[in-house]
Protein backbone atom coordinates (compact mmCIF):
# COMPACT_ATOMS: atom_id res chain seq x y z
CA MET A 1 -0.02 0.11 0.12
CA ASP A 2 0.99 3.70 -0.51
CA ALA A 3 -0.17 5.08 2.95
CA VAL A 4 -1.24 4.14 6.33
CA VAL A 5 -3.31 6.35 8.53
CA ILE A 6 -3.34 5.62 12.32
CA GLY A 7 -6.43 6.71 14.00
CA ALA A 8 -10.01 6.75 12.62
CA GLY A 9 -11.24 10.09 14.29
CA PRO A 10 -11.76 13.36 12.47
CA ALA A 11 -8.07 13.95 11.68
CA GLY A 12 -7.54 10.31 10.26
CA LEU A 13 -10.42 10.33 8.17
CA ALA A 14 -9.79 13.67 6.80
CA ALA A 15 -6.12 12.68 5.93
CA ALA A 16 -7.07 9.25 4.51
CA ALA A 17 -9.69 11.06 2.21
CA GLU A 18 -7.25 13.76 1.01
CA LEU A 19 -4.44 11.35 0.37
CA GLN A 20 -6.92 8.93 -1.64
CA LYS A 21 -7.81 11.92 -3.72
CA ALA A 22 -4.28 12.52 -4.42
CA GLY A 23 -4.08 8.96 -5.93
CA LEU A 24 -2.67 6.89 -3.00
CA SER A 25 -3.87 3.66 -1.81
CA VAL A 26 -4.60 4.30 1.87
CA ILE A 27 -5.70 2.10 4.82
CA VAL A 28 -6.93 3.53 8.28
CA LEU A 29 -6.09 1.62 11.35
CA ASP A 30 -7.89 1.90 14.71
CA ARG A 31 -7.91 -0.16 17.87
CA ALA A 32 -11.64 0.62 18.54
CA ASP A 33 -14.62 -0.95 17.04
CA GLN A 34 -16.09 2.24 15.38
CA VAL A 35 -14.80 5.35 13.64
CA GLY A 36 -14.74 8.41 16.02
CA SER A 37 -14.58 5.96 18.98
CA SER A 38 -13.57 8.76 21.35
CA TRP A 39 -16.62 10.81 20.74
CA ALA A 40 -18.84 7.89 21.83
CA GLY A 41 -17.08 8.22 25.08
CA HIS A 42 -17.87 11.94 25.76
CA TYR A 43 -20.52 13.07 28.20
CA ASP A 44 -24.15 13.01 26.85
CA ARG A 45 -24.67 16.76 27.00
CA LEU A 46 -21.62 17.40 24.64
CA HIS A 47 -22.22 19.63 21.54
CA LEU A 48 -19.32 21.12 19.40
CA HIS A 49 -18.18 24.25 20.83
CA THR A 50 -17.35 25.31 17.22
CA SER A 51 -20.16 25.87 14.50
CA ARG A 52 -21.27 23.21 12.10
CA ALA A 53 -20.25 25.42 9.21
CA MET A 54 -16.61 25.72 10.46
CA SER A 55 -16.41 22.09 11.70
CA SER A 56 -16.81 19.86 8.47
CA LEU A 57 -14.09 17.32 7.13
CA PRO A 58 -12.77 18.16 3.57
CA GLY A 59 -15.67 17.92 0.66
CA ARG A 60 -18.44 17.07 2.86
CA PRO A 61 -20.32 19.68 4.66
CA MET A 62 -22.50 18.41 7.77
CA PRO A 63 -26.10 18.36 7.16
CA ARG A 64 -27.88 21.55 8.11
CA ARG A 65 -30.43 19.40 10.26
CA TYR A 66 -27.79 19.01 12.79
CA GLY A 67 -27.98 22.69 13.68
CA ARG A 68 -25.40 25.27 14.44
CA TRP A 69 -24.08 23.46 17.44
CA VAL A 70 -23.67 19.73 16.44
CA ALA A 71 -24.47 17.14 19.27
CA ARG A 72 -22.14 14.37 20.06
CA ASP A 73 -24.18 11.64 18.43
CA ASP A 74 -24.79 13.66 15.31
CA PHE A 75 -21.14 14.19 15.04
CA ARG A 76 -20.47 10.39 15.46
CA ALA A 77 -23.08 9.73 12.76
CA TYR A 78 -21.33 12.30 10.48
CA LEU A 79 -17.83 10.69 10.94
CA ALA A 80 -19.30 7.24 9.94
CA GLU A 81 -21.09 8.63 6.93
CA TYR A 82 -18.02 10.40 5.94
CA ALA A 83 -15.84 7.24 5.95
CA ASP A 84 -18.63 5.51 3.97
CA ALA A 85 -19.16 8.14 1.47
CA GLU A 86 -15.18 8.68 0.77
CA LYS A 87 -15.01 4.66 0.34
CA LEU A 88 -12.31 4.52 2.88
CA ASP A 89 -10.58 1.50 3.81
CA VAL A 90 -10.93 1.48 7.51
CA ARG A 91 -9.66 -1.53 9.51
CA LEU A 92 -11.17 -1.47 13.02
CA GLY A 93 -10.00 -3.43 15.85
CA VAL A 94 -6.41 -3.14 14.86
CA THR A 95 -3.62 -1.85 17.06
CA ALA A 96 -0.59 -0.15 15.64
CA ASN A 97 2.18 -0.90 17.98
CA SER A 98 5.19 0.94 16.68
CA LEU A 99 6.85 2.35 13.59
CA ASN A 100 10.14 1.64 11.99
CA ARG A 101 12.28 3.32 9.11
CA THR A 102 13.02 0.54 6.39
CA GLY A 103 15.11 2.20 3.89
CA ASP A 104 12.98 4.89 2.59
CA ARG A 105 9.70 3.33 3.64
CA TRP A 106 7.89 2.76 6.67
CA THR A 107 6.95 -0.46 8.59
CA VAL A 108 3.90 -0.38 10.92
CA ASP A 109 4.17 -3.19 13.42
CA SER A 110 0.39 -3.94 13.94
CA SER A 111 -1.90 -6.60 15.16
CA LEU A 112 -2.44 -7.24 11.44
CA GLY A 113 1.01 -8.02 10.93
CA ALA A 114 3.74 -5.76 9.40
CA LEU A 115 2.36 -3.07 7.03
CA ILE A 116 4.77 -1.27 4.68
CA ALA A 117 4.18 2.08 3.22
CA ASP A 118 5.66 5.36 1.82
CA VAL A 119 3.57 7.38 4.00
CA VAL A 120 2.32 7.12 7.57
CA VAL A 121 0.00 9.63 9.22
CA VAL A 122 -0.33 9.43 12.88
CA ALA A 123 -3.85 10.82 13.73
CA THR A 124 -4.53 9.14 17.28
CA GLY A 125 -5.90 12.33 18.89
CA TYR A 126 -4.95 15.34 20.88
CA ASN A 127 -7.09 14.04 23.81
CA HIS A 128 -5.84 10.42 23.86
CA THR A 129 -4.99 9.56 27.51
CA ALA A 130 -6.72 10.90 30.55
CA LYS A 131 -4.21 12.90 32.88
CA ILE A 132 -4.63 13.00 36.57
CA PRO A 133 -2.04 15.01 38.70
CA ASP A 134 -0.13 12.98 41.37
CA TRP A 135 -1.52 15.12 44.32
CA PRO A 136 -0.03 14.03 47.72
CA GLY A 137 -2.41 11.63 49.67
CA LEU A 138 -4.60 10.96 46.54
CA ALA A 139 -4.27 7.01 46.84
CA GLY A 140 -5.51 7.06 50.45
CA PHE A 141 -8.52 9.42 49.57
CA SER A 142 -11.64 7.58 50.98
CA GLY A 143 -13.97 9.47 48.40
CA ARG A 144 -14.59 8.76 44.83
CA VAL A 145 -12.28 10.29 42.18
CA ILE A 146 -12.96 9.95 38.41
CA HIS A 147 -11.58 11.60 35.31
CA SER A 148 -13.82 13.97 33.11
CA ALA A 149 -13.25 11.36 30.45
CA GLU A 150 -15.46 8.92 32.58
CA TYR A 151 -18.42 11.26 32.97
CA ARG A 152 -21.57 10.72 31.15
CA ASN A 153 -24.58 12.42 32.90
CA PRO A 154 -25.80 13.46 36.45
CA ALA A 155 -27.92 10.32 36.91
CA ASP A 156 -25.22 8.13 36.28
CA LEU A 157 -22.63 9.77 38.47
CA ALA A 158 -25.11 9.44 41.48
CA ALA A 159 -23.49 12.07 43.59
CA ARG A 160 -24.87 15.01 45.45
CA ASP A 161 -21.75 16.90 46.33
CA VAL A 162 -19.01 17.06 43.71
CA LEU A 163 -15.79 18.97 43.35
CA VAL A 164 -14.81 19.63 39.85
CA VAL A 165 -11.17 20.37 39.33
CA GLY A 166 -10.34 22.62 36.54
CA PRO A 167 -12.25 25.27 34.77
CA GLY A 168 -11.69 24.38 31.31
CA ASN A 169 -13.99 23.39 28.63
CA SER A 170 -14.91 19.90 29.83
CA GLY A 171 -14.73 21.01 33.62
CA ALA A 172 -16.95 24.13 33.10
CA GLU A 173 -19.53 22.35 30.99
CA ILE A 174 -19.79 19.24 33.27
CA ALA A 175 -20.05 21.57 36.34
CA ALA A 176 -23.12 23.36 34.56
CA ASP A 177 -24.54 20.02 33.76
CA LEU A 178 -24.39 18.77 37.36
CA ALA A 179 -25.60 22.07 38.69
CA GLY A 180 -28.57 22.07 36.54
CA ALA A 181 -29.51 18.61 37.79
CA GLY A 182 -29.54 19.79 41.56
CA VAL A 183 -25.98 18.68 42.38
CA ARG A 184 -24.10 20.92 44.76
CA VAL A 185 -21.00 21.79 42.87
CA ALA A 186 -17.68 23.40 43.74
CA VAL A 187 -15.01 24.33 40.91
CA ALA A 188 -11.28 24.20 42.01
CA VAL A 189 -9.47 27.01 40.13
CA ARG A 190 -5.78 27.44 40.04
CA THR A 191 -5.59 29.95 37.24
CA ALA A 192 -8.67 31.83 36.22
CA PRO A 193 -9.85 30.84 32.90
CA ASN A 194 -10.61 33.14 29.94
CA LEU A 195 -14.27 32.72 29.62
CA VAL A 196 -16.01 33.55 26.40
CA ARG A 197 -19.49 33.25 25.22
CA ARG A 198 -20.17 30.75 22.56
CA GLN A 199 -21.83 33.38 20.28
CA VAL A 200 -22.29 37.02 20.47
CA LEU A 201 -25.24 38.73 19.00
CA GLY A 202 -25.88 35.53 17.05
CA VAL A 203 -22.37 35.32 15.62
CA PRO A 204 -20.33 32.30 16.47
CA THR A 205 -17.25 33.31 18.72
CA GLN A 206 -15.29 31.06 16.50
CA SER A 207 -15.92 33.28 13.39
CA LEU A 208 -14.83 36.24 15.47
CA THR A 209 -11.74 34.44 16.62
CA VAL A 210 -10.82 33.58 12.86
CA SER A 211 -11.03 37.11 11.85
CA THR A 212 -8.85 38.34 14.85
CA ALA A 213 -6.10 35.53 14.78
CA PRO A 214 -4.06 37.33 12.09
CA LEU A 215 -3.59 40.27 14.17
CA PRO A 216 -0.50 40.54 16.37
CA THR A 217 -0.89 38.66 19.53
CA LYS A 218 -0.99 41.86 21.89
CA ILE A 219 -3.52 43.52 19.83
CA ALA A 220 -5.75 40.50 19.41
CA ASP A 221 -5.73 40.07 23.23
CA ARG A 222 -6.87 43.71 23.48
CA VAL A 223 -9.71 43.21 21.12
CA ALA A 224 -10.73 39.73 22.70
CA ARG A 225 -10.58 41.51 26.10
CA GLY A 226 -12.66 44.23 25.04
CA MET A 227 -15.42 41.78 23.94
CA GLN A 228 -14.99 39.69 27.24
CA ILE A 229 -15.80 42.92 29.26
CA LEU A 230 -18.90 43.65 27.26
CA THR A 231 -20.18 39.98 27.06
CA VAL A 232 -18.82 38.27 30.29
CA GLY A 233 -18.27 41.07 32.56
CA ASP A 234 -16.40 41.07 35.87
CA LEU A 235 -16.85 37.90 37.75
CA SER A 236 -14.55 38.63 40.63
CA ARG A 237 -17.40 38.86 43.17
CA TYR A 238 -18.12 35.17 42.12
CA GLY A 239 -14.52 34.03 42.74
CA LEU A 240 -13.25 34.45 39.33
CA GLN A 241 -10.50 37.07 39.02
CA LYS A 242 -9.21 38.62 35.69
CA PRO A 243 -7.24 36.04 33.81
CA PRO A 244 -3.48 36.80 34.11
CA ARG A 245 -2.97 36.73 30.19
CA GLY A 246 -4.96 37.53 27.30
CA ILE A 247 -6.71 34.86 25.21
CA PHE A 248 -4.23 34.80 22.49
CA SER A 249 -1.14 35.12 24.61
CA GLN A 250 -2.41 32.26 26.85
CA GLN A 251 -2.92 29.97 23.93
CA ALA A 252 0.43 30.66 22.42
CA ASP A 253 2.41 30.39 25.70
CA ASP A 254 0.59 27.60 27.49
CA ASP A 255 -1.46 25.79 24.83
CA VAL A 256 -4.55 26.66 26.63
CA THR A 257 -7.65 27.82 24.71
CA PRO A 258 -10.44 29.94 26.05
CA THR A 259 -13.26 28.39 28.08
CA ILE A 260 -16.43 28.44 25.77
CA ASP A 261 -19.52 29.16 28.13
CA VAL A 262 -22.43 26.84 27.72
CA GLY A 263 -24.17 27.61 31.06
CA PHE A 264 -21.33 27.94 33.48
CA ILE A 265 -21.48 31.69 33.86
CA ASP A 266 -25.32 31.76 34.73
CA ALA A 267 -24.71 28.91 37.13
CA LEU A 268 -22.00 30.62 38.72
CA LYS A 269 -24.08 33.99 39.06
CA ALA A 270 -27.01 31.89 40.46
CA GLY A 271 -24.75 30.35 43.12
CA THR A 272 -25.41 26.85 41.92
CA ILE A 273 -21.77 26.67 41.22
CA THR A 274 -19.12 28.14 43.55
CA VAL A 275 -15.36 28.54 43.06
CA VAL A 276 -12.67 27.43 45.32
CA ALA A 277 -8.96 27.52 45.66
CA ALA A 278 -6.76 24.89 43.64
CA VAL A 279 -6.35 21.43 45.07
CA GLU A 280 -3.12 20.94 47.03
CA SER A 281 -3.51 17.50 48.61
CA PHE A 282 -5.90 14.69 49.92
CA SER A 283 -6.08 13.14 53.49
CA GLY A 284 -8.80 10.78 54.45
CA ASP A 285 -12.12 12.11 53.13
CA ALA A 286 -10.74 15.65 52.93
CA VAL A 287 -9.37 17.70 50.08
CA ARG A 288 -6.82 20.40 51.23
CA LEU A 289 -6.99 23.59 49.13
CA ALA A 290 -4.31 26.14 47.99
CA ASP A 291 -5.70 28.75 50.58
CA GLY A 292 -5.58 26.11 53.43
CA THR A 293 -9.32 25.39 53.52
CA THR A 294 -10.48 21.96 53.22
CA VAL A 295 -13.61 20.41 51.53
CA SER A 296 -15.03 16.86 51.98
CA PRO A 297 -16.88 16.21 48.66
CA GLU A 298 -18.67 13.01 48.03
CA LEU A 299 -16.82 12.81 44.60
CA VAL A 300 -13.99 14.64 42.97
CA LEU A 301 -14.26 14.74 39.17
CA VAL A 302 -10.77 15.63 37.68
CA ALA A 303 -10.86 17.75 34.49
CA THR A 304 -7.08 18.41 34.06
CA GLY A 305 -6.85 17.39 30.45
CA PHE A 306 -5.22 14.67 28.55
CA GLN A 307 -1.82 13.50 27.33
CA ARG A 308 -1.05 12.67 23.60
CA GLY A 309 0.10 9.21 24.48
CA LEU A 310 2.58 8.81 21.64
CA GLU A 311 5.38 7.48 23.48
CA LYS A 312 4.81 3.67 22.81
CA LEU A 313 4.07 4.14 18.97
CA VAL A 314 7.00 6.68 18.19
CA GLY A 315 8.89 7.25 21.34
CA ASP A 316 12.18 5.80 19.95
CA LEU A 317 12.00 8.13 16.78
CA GLY A 318 12.94 11.34 18.61
CA VAL A 319 9.90 13.21 17.38
CA ILE A 320 8.16 13.72 20.86
CA ALA A 321 8.74 17.29 22.45
CA PRO A 322 8.89 17.48 26.27
CA GLY A 323 5.26 18.12 26.78
CA GLY A 324 4.30 14.98 24.84
CA ARG A 325 3.36 16.63 21.49
CA PRO A 326 4.92 15.59 18.34
CA LEU A 327 7.72 17.97 17.10
CA ILE A 328 5.84 18.43 13.79
CA ASN A 329 2.39 18.69 12.57
CA ALA A 330 0.41 18.90 9.56
CA ASP A 331 2.76 18.99 6.50
CA GLU A 332 6.13 19.55 8.41
CA GLN A 333 8.71 17.04 8.08
CA LEU A 334 11.95 15.93 9.97
CA PRO A 335 15.00 15.21 8.18
CA GLY A 336 15.58 11.35 7.94
CA LEU A 337 11.95 10.78 8.93
CA GLU A 338 10.35 11.98 5.45
CA GLY A 339 6.96 10.41 4.82
CA LEU A 340 5.99 10.51 8.61
CA PHE A 341 3.31 13.10 9.23
CA PHE A 342 1.34 13.98 12.42
CA LEU A 343 -2.19 15.63 12.20
CA GLY A 344 -4.58 16.96 14.69
CA TYR A 345 -1.80 17.75 17.35
CA SER A 346 -2.16 21.57 17.12
CA ASN A 347 -4.59 23.19 19.60
CA PRO A 348 -5.57 26.33 17.58
CA ILE A 349 -7.73 29.03 19.01
CA THR A 350 -9.61 28.85 15.77
CA GLY A 351 -10.94 25.39 16.27
CA ASN A 352 -9.32 21.86 16.13
CA ILE A 353 -11.62 20.26 13.55
CA ARG A 354 -11.55 23.33 11.33
CA GLN A 355 -7.52 23.02 11.46
CA VAL A 356 -7.66 19.43 10.80
CA ALA A 357 -9.47 19.83 7.54
CA ILE A 358 -6.80 22.52 6.45
CA ASP A 359 -3.85 20.52 7.40
CA ALA A 360 -4.97 17.42 5.82
CA LYS A 361 -4.94 19.17 2.51
CA LYS A 362 -1.55 20.50 3.37
CA ILE A 363 -0.31 16.89 3.77
CA ALA A 364 -1.92 15.64 0.67
CA ARG A 365 -0.24 18.32 -1.43
CA LYS A 366 3.11 17.66 0.14
CA VAL A 367 2.75 13.98 -0.53
CA ALA A 368 1.52 14.46 -4.06
CA ALA A 369 4.71 16.66 -4.73
CA ALA A 370 7.11 14.24 -3.36
CA SER A 371 5.60 10.70 -3.57
CA PRO A 372 6.32 8.44 -6.48
CA ALA A 373 3.03 6.66 -5.86
CA ALA A 374 0.96 9.82 -6.00
CA GLN A 375 2.80 10.95 -9.22
CA ARG A 376 2.03 7.59 -10.81
CA ARG A 377 -1.61 7.59 -9.81
CA THR A 378 -2.77 11.25 -10.07
CA PRO A 379 -4.44 11.93 -13.21
CA VAL A 380 -2.61 14.67 -15.23
């Protein structure tokens, strides 16, 4: 075969479709039993925080019937329909174990056996492996602790008093979901998030961000801050101080995107969500916070993000940065590792799925220009 794509999520499907259009024979591997498997594991309430119009994969817009904010199950259906419509060769239940350079080609050691290809695209997902900090005393905590990846809905959680750790997108939305169901919710915050409304005067915030992103960072920060003041206001009386940095600076420096509001602000103002200091340690049934106070929630829901989980697959190739991201993304290449691409490992403020669609096209163009297989097969 000409190309192997590892991962059958949005990035993997987009890459496979674009490479196929460039004339390559492509197979997609995924250890799960369905395409877009990570989306099946997300909480029930989830809708895309980016608009439908800016969240489609290349060549196939999402149906208008999904509405502006696409629900989790509708997005899953779209991914399955996309794979079928593009006639992608997706091999489910197949694990890719490692990659090795063999001459000028790549060998993928997989549960199907050794697969040799000119091109490999790694697209296993930005949010691959749940990350829980190693807090002192956590192992001996007598309460329940789960990661946000395990959360589905308030009924399944069956808890009346929950401490949510982390005010990012998952933490804020889950907190709002729980508060709406009558659960007592506190959110532990170390650094105040940059909260933004999902839309302003009917215009998706993503559209505003795309138009602001080309500006110099400091100017973009000022524009975004002005919008926050007008639409979010001062939340210090509710325990959230002004974020230490602007939206664009925070994303550039810390890889942290703004928290899109889907009910969190209203719950905060209504008093159904309270803000507490950051978690420092655990002891017995108590959680000690950074301000010296303690709380004893029935359950701690950790929304502290994910790791990329690439070490086993490509850890010996020297392509992983200290934070766990690949050193390259999209059509970038490393000397001696030509033909190896990573897709979906950027975290742009303008939307991950939108960027995946753009970057998949870049990869296909790079491959078409350099790959003998593409040059042989692409019609003149």
